[in-house]
Amino acid sequence: MARLLISIGLSLVLMGVIWHFGRGLGLGQLPGDISIKKGNTTFYFPVVTCLVLSLVLSLIFWIFGKFRS
């Protein structure tokens, strides 16, 4: 249980760092990301950013998997 909690904590910290410094790379502001503003309400869904991050993470895990076996 301790390893799981540590892994979750480190993952959240890593995601926070990527989120913070990712703005400089244009993450969250790519063409295709949905942003709707009406009055005091804003709806934001980063579709393309999610796809890019998914592809990058899939590639990283695939490479680690190749070295592990």
C-alpha atoms as a PDB file:
ATOM      1  CA  MET A   1       0.000   0.000   0.000  1.00  0.00           C
ATOM      2  CA  ALA A   2       2.862   2.357   0.808  1.00  0.00           C
ATOM      3  CA  ARG A   3       4.424   1.885  -2.638  1.00  0.00           C
ATOM      4  CA  LEU A   4       1.098   2.623  -4.304  1.00  0.00           C
ATOM      5  CA  LEU A   5       0.646   5.851  -2.361  1.00  0.00           C
ATOM      6  CA  ILE A   6       4.218   6.937  -3.084  1.00  0.00           C
ATOM      7  CA  SER A   7       3.750   6.175  -6.786  1.00  0.00           C
ATOM      8  CA  ILE A   8       0.499   8.143  -6.918  1.00  0.00           C
ATOM      9  CA  GLY A   9       2.114  11.064  -5.084  1.00  0.00           C
ATOM     10  CA  LEU A  10       5.137  11.153  -7.382  1.00  0.00           C
ATOM     11  CA  SER A  11       2.881  10.919 -10.432  1.00  0.00           C
ATOM     12  CA  LEU A  12       0.829  13.879  -9.220  1.00  0.00           C
ATOM     13  CA  VAL A  13       3.970  15.923  -8.576  1.00  0.00           C
ATOM     14  CA  LEU A  14       5.316  15.066 -12.028  1.00  0.00           C
ATOM     15  CA  MET A  15       2.021  16.023 -13.665  1.00  0.00           C
ATOM     16  CA  GLY A  16       2.020  19.302 -11.748  1.00  0.00           C
ATOM     17  CA  VAL A  17       5.532  20.151 -12.925  1.00  0.00           C
ATOM     18  CA  ILE A  18       4.637  19.269 -16.524  1.00  0.00           C
ATOM     19  CA  TRP A  19       1.457  21.340 -16.265  1.00  0.00           C
ATOM     20  CA  HIS A  20       3.363  24.334 -14.863  1.00  0.00           C
ATOM     21  CA  PHE A  21       6.227  24.302 -17.362  1.00  0.00           C
ATOM     22  CA  GLY A  22       4.152  22.931 -20.254  1.00  0.00           C
ATOM     23  CA  ARG A  23       2.571  26.322 -20.853  1.00  0.00           C
ATOM     24  CA  GLY A  24       5.876  27.536 -22.293  1.00  0.00           C
ATOM     25  CA  LEU A  25       5.758  24.660 -24.773  1.00  0.00           C
ATOM     26  CA  GLY A  26       2.240  25.579 -25.884  1.00  0.00           C
ATOM     27  CA  LEU A  27       0.535  22.681 -24.125  1.00  0.00           C
ATOM     28  CA  GLY A  28      -3.061  23.576 -23.402  1.00  0.00           C
ATOM     29  CA  GLN A  29      -3.163  26.134 -26.186  1.00  0.00           C
ATOM     30  CA  LEU A  30      -2.875  23.950 -29.264  1.00  0.00           C
ATOM     31  CA  PRO A  31      -5.191  24.310 -32.263  1.00  0.00           C
ATOM     32  CA  GLY A  32      -8.149  22.023 -31.665  1.00  0.00           C
ATOM     33  CA  ASP A  33      -8.374  22.616 -27.911  1.00  0.00           C
ATOM     34  CA  ILE A  34     -11.916  23.659 -27.030  1.00  0.00           C
ATOM     35  CA  SER A  35     -12.457  26.851 -25.049  1.00  0.00           C
ATOM     36  CA  ILE A  36     -15.928  28.374 -24.622  1.00  0.00           C
ATOM     37  CA  LYS A  37     -16.475  31.579 -22.631  1.00  0.00           C
ATOM     38  CA  LYS A  38     -19.994  32.831 -21.834  1.00  0.00           C
ATOM     39  CA  GLY A  39     -20.500  35.407 -19.144  1.00  0.00           C
ATOM     40  CA  ASN A  40     -18.781  34.336 -15.936  1.00  0.00           C
ATOM     41  CA  THR A  41     -18.471  30.704 -17.053  1.00  0.00           C
ATOM     42  CA  THR A  42     -15.581  29.178 -18.970  1.00  0.00           C
ATOM     43  CA  PHE A  43     -15.520  25.638 -20.349  1.00  0.00           C
ATOM     44  CA  TYR A  44     -12.124  24.330 -21.421  1.00  0.00           C
ATOM     45  CA  PHE A  45     -11.300  20.904 -22.823  1.00  0.00           C
ATOM     46  CA  PRO A  46      -7.788  20.387 -24.254  1.00  0.00           C
ATOM     47  CA  VAL A  47      -8.600  17.709 -26.848  1.00  0.00           C
ATOM     48  CA  VAL A  48      -5.430  17.970 -28.932  1.00  0.00           C
ATOM     49  CA  THR A  49      -3.207  18.418 -25.878  1.00  0.00           C
ATOM     50  CA  CYS A  50      -4.632  15.183 -24.434  1.00  0.00           C
ATOM     51  CA  LEU A  51      -3.926  13.357 -27.697  1.00  0.00           C
ATOM     52  CA  VAL A  52      -0.344  14.655 -27.869  1.00  0.00           C
ATOM     53  CA  LEU A  53       0.365  13.724 -24.245  1.00  0.00           C
ATOM     54  CA  SER A  54      -1.183  10.291 -24.773  1.00  0.00           C
ATOM     55  CA  LEU A  55       1.025   9.634 -27.786  1.00  0.00           C
ATOM     56  CA  VAL A  56       4.176  10.801 -25.967  1.00  0.00           C
ATOM     57  CA  LEU A  57       3.428   8.737 -22.851  1.00  0.00           C
ATOM     58  CA  SER A  58       2.558   5.672 -24.953  1.00  0.00           C
ATOM     59  CA  LEU A  59       5.872   5.997 -26.774  1.00  0.00           C
ATOM     60  CA  ILE A  60       7.801   6.355 -23.508  1.00  0.00           C
ATOM     61  CA  PHE A  61       6.119   3.303 -21.947  1.00  0.00           C
ATOM     62  CA  TRP A  62       6.639   1.291 -25.145  1.00  0.00           C
ATOM     63  CA  ILE A  63      10.367   2.122 -25.106  1.00  0.00           C
ATOM     64  CA  PHE A  64      10.663   1.208 -21.409  1.00  0.00           C
ATOM     65  CA  GLY A  65       8.827  -2.027 -22.118  1.00  0.00           C
ATOM     66  CA  LYS A  66      11.292  -2.925 -24.868  1.00  0.00           C
ATOM     67  CA  PHE A  67      14.270  -2.412 -22.536  1.00  0.00           C
ATOM     68  CA  ARG A  68      12.637  -4.260 -19.647  1.00  0.00           C
ATOM     69  CA  SER A  69      11.994  -7.533 -21.459  1.00  0.00           C
END
